[in-house]
C-alpha atoms as a PDB file:
ATOM      1  CA  MET A   1      34.215  78.343   1.270  1.00  0.00           C
ATOM      2  CA  ASP A   2      36.724  80.687   2.592  1.00  0.00           C
ATOM      3  CA  ASN A   3      35.483  81.665   6.282  1.00  0.00           C
ATOM      4  CA  GLU A   4      35.922  85.531   5.435  1.00  0.00           C
ATOM      5  CA  HIS A   5      33.475  85.659   2.715  1.00  0.00           C
ATOM      6  CA  PHE A   6      30.727  83.765   5.102  1.00  0.00           C
ATOM      7  CA  LYS A   7      27.764  85.617   6.317  1.00  0.00           C
ATOM      8  CA  VAL A   8      24.705  85.185   8.037  1.00  0.00           C
ATOM      9  CA  THR A   9      21.708  87.114   6.289  1.00  0.00           C
ATOM     10  CA  PRO A  10      20.151  89.544   8.312  1.00  0.00           C
ATOM     11  CA  ILE A  11      16.599  88.516   9.933  1.00  0.00           C
ATOM     12  CA  LYS A  12      13.629  90.643   9.281  1.00  0.00           C
ATOM     13  CA  ASN A  13      11.700  90.597  12.374  1.00  0.00           C
ATOM     14  CA  GLY A  14      12.674  88.588  15.813  1.00  0.00           C
ATOM     15  CA  THR A  15      15.391  88.390  18.197  1.00  0.00           C
ATOM     16  CA  VAL A  16      19.318  88.331  18.232  1.00  0.00           C
ATOM     17  CA  ILE A  17      20.836  86.984  21.181  1.00  0.00           C
ATOM     18  CA  ASP A  18      24.433  88.310  21.451  1.00  0.00           C
ATOM     19  CA  HIS A  19      27.454  87.654  23.838  1.00  0.00           C
ATOM     20  CA  ILE A  20      26.812  84.272  24.846  1.00  0.00           C
ATOM     21  CA  PRO A  21      29.807  82.610  26.665  1.00  0.00           C
ATOM     22  CA  ALA A  22      31.119  80.447  23.909  1.00  0.00           C
ATOM     23  CA  GLY A  23      29.724  76.662  23.719  1.00  0.00           C
ATOM     24  CA  ASN A  24      26.556  77.884  25.349  1.00  0.00           C
ATOM     25  CA  ALA A  25      23.945  78.342  22.588  1.00  0.00           C
ATOM     26  CA  PHE A  26      22.694  75.125  22.739  1.00  0.00           C
ATOM     27  CA  ARG A  27      21.912  75.512  26.530  1.00  0.00           C
ATOM     28  CA  ILE A  28      20.398  78.823  26.018  1.00  0.00           C
ATOM     29  CA  LEU A  29      17.907  77.723  23.191  1.00  0.00           C
ATOM     30  CA  LYS A  30      16.826  74.550  25.477  1.00  0.00           C
ATOM     31  CA  ILE A  31      15.962  77.062  28.250  1.00  0.00           C
ATOM     32  CA  ILE A  32      13.887  79.249  25.977  1.00  0.00           C
ATOM     33  CA  GLY A  33      12.176  76.378  24.368  1.00  0.00           C
ATOM     34  CA  ILE A  34      13.663  76.329  20.823  1.00  0.00           C
ATOM     35  CA  ASP A  35      13.782  72.555  19.535  1.00  0.00           C
ATOM     36  CA  GLU A  36      12.933  70.413  16.802  1.00  0.00           C
ATOM     37  CA  ASP A  37       9.625  71.549  16.468  1.00  0.00           C
ATOM     38  CA  CYS A  38      10.495  75.153  16.214  1.00  0.00           C
ATOM     39  CA  LYS A  39       8.779  76.559  12.955  1.00  0.00           C
ATOM     40  CA  SER A  40      11.196  79.798  13.275  1.00  0.00           C
ATOM     41  CA  THR A  41      13.927  79.980  11.304  1.00  0.00           C
ATOM     42  CA  VAL A  42      17.215  79.783  13.766  1.00  0.00           C
ATOM     43  CA  SER A  43      20.520  80.830  13.135  1.00  0.00           C
ATOM     44  CA  ILE A  44      23.451  79.672  15.583  1.00  0.00           C
ATOM     45  CA  LEU A  45      26.873  81.231  15.455  1.00  0.00           C
ATOM     46  CA  ILE A  46      29.452  79.056  17.890  1.00  0.00           C
ATOM     47  CA  ASN A  47      32.906  80.055  18.504  1.00  0.00           C
ATOM     48  CA  VAL A  48      32.578  83.623  16.716  1.00  0.00           C
ATOM     49  CA  PRO A  49      35.582  85.826  17.327  1.00  0.00           C
ATOM     50  CA  SER A  50      35.136  88.365  19.977  1.00  0.00           C
ATOM     51  CA  ARG A  51      37.617  91.182  21.719  1.00  0.00           C
ATOM     52  CA  GLN A  52      35.477  91.255  24.828  1.00  0.00           C
ATOM     53  CA  LEU A  53      34.979  87.534  25.454  1.00  0.00           C
ATOM     54  CA  GLY A  54      37.622  85.967  23.068  1.00  0.00           C
ATOM     55  CA  SER A  55      34.951  83.956  21.259  1.00  0.00           C
ATOM     56  CA  LYS A  56      31.164  83.934  21.973  1.00  0.00           C
ATOM     57  CA  ASP A  57      28.153  82.563  20.442  1.00  0.00           C
ATOM     58  CA  ILE A  58      25.151  84.360  18.917  1.00  0.00           C
ATOM     59  CA  ILE A  59      21.495  83.149  18.257  1.00  0.00           C
ATOM     60  CA  LYS A  60      19.076  84.734  15.741  1.00  0.00           C
ATOM     61  CA  ILE A  61      15.287  83.757  16.075  1.00  0.00           C
ATOM     62  CA  GLU A  62      13.085  84.777  13.043  1.00  0.00           C
ATOM     63  CA  ASP A  63       9.567  86.020  13.883  1.00  0.00           C
ATOM     64  CA  ARG A  64      10.063  85.757  17.911  1.00  0.00           C
ATOM     65  CA  GLU A  65      10.553  88.336  20.759  1.00  0.00           C
ATOM     66  CA  LEU A  66      11.562  86.939  24.072  1.00  0.00           C
ATOM     67  CA  ASP A  67       9.311  87.648  27.086  1.00  0.00           C
ATOM     68  CA  ASP A  68      10.584  88.367  30.317  1.00  0.00           C
ATOM     69  CA  ASN A  69      10.710  85.083  31.666  1.00  0.00           C
ATOM     70  CA  GLU A  70      12.724  83.838  29.221  1.00  0.00           C
ATOM     71  CA  LEU A  71      14.823  86.643  29.545  1.00  0.00           C
ATOM     72  CA  ASN A  72      15.631  85.768  33.023  1.00  0.00           C
ATOM     73  CA  LYS A  73      16.281  82.392  31.801  1.00  0.00           C
ATOM     74  CA  ILE A  74      18.971  83.809  29.765  1.00  0.00           C
ATOM     75  CA  ALA A  75      20.666  86.168  32.350  1.00  0.00           C
ATOM     76  CA  LEU A  76      21.016  83.004  34.706  1.00  0.00           C
ATOM     77  CA  MET A  77      23.289  81.451  31.989  1.00  0.00           C
ATOM     78  CA  ALA A  78      24.785  84.264  30.120  1.00  0.00           C
ATOM     79  CA  SER A  79      24.903  87.396  32.480  1.00  0.00           C
ATOM     80  CA  ASP A  80      26.619  89.761  29.913  1.00  0.00           C
ATOM     81  CA  ALA A  81      24.106  88.820  26.748  1.00  0.00           C
ATOM     82  CA  THR A  82      22.709  91.493  24.572  1.00  0.00           C
ATOM     83  CA  ILE A  83      19.331  90.941  23.452  1.00  0.00           C
ATOM     84  CA  ASN A  84      18.736  92.928  20.176  1.00  0.00           C
ATOM     85  CA  ILE A  85      15.019  93.130  18.872  1.00  0.00           C
ATOM     86  CA  ILE A  86      14.660  93.467  15.399  1.00  0.00           C
ATOM     87  CA  ARG A  87      11.877  94.894  13.095  1.00  0.00           C
ATOM     88  CA  ASP A  88      11.962  95.573   9.494  1.00  0.00           C
ATOM     89  CA  LYS A  89      16.052  94.447   9.372  1.00  0.00           C
ATOM     90  CA  ASN A  90      16.577  97.219  11.996  1.00  0.00           C
ATOM     91  CA  VAL A  91      17.547  96.738  15.598  1.00  0.00           C
ATOM     92  CA  TYR A  92      14.226  98.216  17.327  1.00  0.00           C
ATOM     93  CA  GLU A  93      15.950  97.799  20.776  1.00  0.00           C
ATOM     94  CA  LYS A  94      18.884  96.657  22.203  1.00  0.00           C
ATOM     95  CA  LYS A  95      19.208  95.590  25.946  1.00  0.00           C
ATOM     96  CA  LYS A  96      21.595  94.121  27.993  1.00  0.00           C
ATOM     97  CA  VAL A  97      19.737  91.284  29.790  1.00  0.00           C
ATOM     98  CA  SER A  98      19.872  92.002  33.763  1.00  0.00           C
ATOM     99  CA  LEU A  99      19.040  89.329  36.709  1.00  0.00           C
ATOM    100  CA  PRO A 100      16.395  90.385  38.707  1.00  0.00           C
ATOM    101  CA  ASP A 101      16.620  90.141  42.598  1.00  0.00           C
ATOM    102  CA  GLU A 102      13.921  87.656  43.033  1.00  0.00           C
ATOM    103  CA  LEU A 103      12.921  85.039  40.489  1.00  0.00           C
ATOM    104  CA  THR A 104       9.458  82.923  40.651  1.00  0.00           C
ATOM    105  CA  GLY A 105       9.154  79.731  38.673  1.00  0.00           C
ATOM    106  CA  ILE A 106      12.473  79.656  36.847  1.00  0.00           C
ATOM    107  CA  ILE A 107      14.530  77.728  39.442  1.00  0.00           C
ATOM    108  CA  ARG A 108      13.701  74.532  41.299  1.00  0.00           C
ATOM    109  CA  CYS A 109      14.467  74.301  44.835  1.00  0.00           C
ATOM    110  CA  GLN A 110      17.144  71.363  45.301  1.00  0.00           C
ATOM    111  CA  ASN A 111      15.763  70.792  48.728  1.00  0.00           C
ATOM    112  CA  THR A 112      13.270  67.427  47.944  1.00  0.00           C
ATOM    113  CA  ASN A 113      11.510  68.862  51.282  1.00  0.00           C
ATOM    114  CA  CYS A 114      11.004  71.920  50.554  1.00  0.00           C
ATOM    115  CA  ILE A 115       7.447  73.264  50.289  1.00  0.00           C
ATOM    116  CA  SER A 116       7.699  74.534  46.786  1.00  0.00           C
ATOM    117  CA  ASN A 117       8.545  70.649  45.930  1.00  0.00           C
ATOM    118  CA  LYS A 118       5.356  69.274  47.340  1.00  0.00           C
ATOM    119  CA  LYS A 119       2.910  68.271  44.542  1.00  0.00           C
ATOM    120  CA  ASP A 120       0.041  68.925  46.892  1.00  0.00           C
ATOM    121  CA  GLU A 121       1.062  72.615  47.656  1.00  0.00           C
ATOM    122  CA  LYS A 122       1.609  73.839  44.146  1.00  0.00           C
ATOM    123  CA  MET A 123       3.562  76.802  45.559  1.00  0.00           C
ATOM    124  CA  LEU A 124       5.878  77.905  42.575  1.00  0.00           C
ATOM    125  CA  PRO A 125       9.588  77.828  43.310  1.00  0.00           C
ATOM    126  CA  HIS A 126      10.826  81.527  44.658  1.00  0.00           C
ATOM    127  CA  ILE A 127      14.473  82.334  44.553  1.00  0.00           C
ATOM    128  CA  ILE A 128      16.119  84.911  46.044  1.00  0.00           C
ATOM    129  CA  VAL A 129      19.317  86.344  44.146  1.00  0.00           C
ATOM    130  CA  GLU A 130      21.873  86.934  47.026  1.00  0.00           C
ATOM    131  CA  THR A 131      25.002  87.670  44.650  1.00  0.00           C
ATOM    132  CA  ARG A 132      25.669  87.867  41.201  1.00  0.00           C
ATOM    133  CA  SER A 133      29.120  87.479  40.870  1.00  0.00           C
ATOM    134  CA  PRO A 134      29.608  84.826  41.781  1.00  0.00           C
ATOM    135  CA  LEU A 135      26.243  83.877  41.092  1.00  0.00           C
ATOM    136  CA  ARG A 136      24.559  82.858  44.617  1.00  0.00           C
ATOM    137  CA  VAL A 137      20.729  82.117  44.915  1.00  0.00           C
ATOM    138  CA  LYS A 138      18.666  80.245  47.767  1.00  0.00           C
ATOM    139  CA  CYS A 139      15.382  79.122  48.040  1.00  0.00           C
ATOM    140  CA  HIS A 140      13.052  81.966  49.606  1.00  0.00           C
ATOM    141  CA  TYR A 141      10.830  78.924  51.595  1.00  0.00           C
ATOM    142  CA  CYS A 142      13.584  77.114  53.209  1.00  0.00           C
ATOM    143  CA  ASP A 143      16.830  79.067  52.757  1.00  0.00           C
ATOM    144  CA  ARG A 144      18.654  76.532  50.719  1.00  0.00           C
ATOM    145  CA  THR A 145      21.526  77.729  48.695  1.00  0.00           C
ATOM    146  CA  ILE A 146      21.057  76.367  45.167  1.00  0.00           C
ATOM    147  CA  ILE A 147      24.390  74.798  44.025  1.00  0.00           C
ATOM    148  CA  ASN A 148      24.764  75.640  40.278  1.00  0.00           C
ATOM    149  CA  PRO A 149      21.314  77.433  39.538  1.00  0.00           C
ATOM    150  CA  GLN A 150      21.934  76.930  35.612  1.00  0.00           C
ATOM    151  CA  ASP A 151      21.690  73.490  35.860  1.00  0.00           C
ATOM    152  CA  ALA A 152      18.264  73.789  38.263  1.00  0.00           C
ATOM    153  CA  ILE A 153      16.027  76.070  35.256  1.00  0.00           C
ATOM    154  CA  LEU A 154      12.521  74.835  35.067  1.00  0.00           C
ATOM    155  CA  PHE A 155      11.820  74.408  31.324  1.00  0.00           C
END
């Protein structure tokens, strides 16, 4: 099939996640809980040419709109991602993900002695975003800087 004639059909209702750095679509699907048990139609485009990024990934999810918690996880992985909410085949809302100053229950502290990692304490991890570029975050409880916060996301 000629690539110039290949089209992905528009979705009637759901979410399109655009401007994902190339190669990260499957990680995004994992952190928002899309797996083989998903009942929605999911389209994944990988290494799509992009003027802005060179190449990018795109995810289309039928009949599902993402919540703020999922958007925060995406912002950790793809700070330039754009979220398009589709209703009746039209873009109802378009927004850029934005990482909040604090994240609760999203990233695990890497300090095994932190109170947020003690099962008997039942404290949700609470993370402070110190800088966005480069991304630098620390635990609110123990002040430990979290290395590679994208790898510390709770599922």
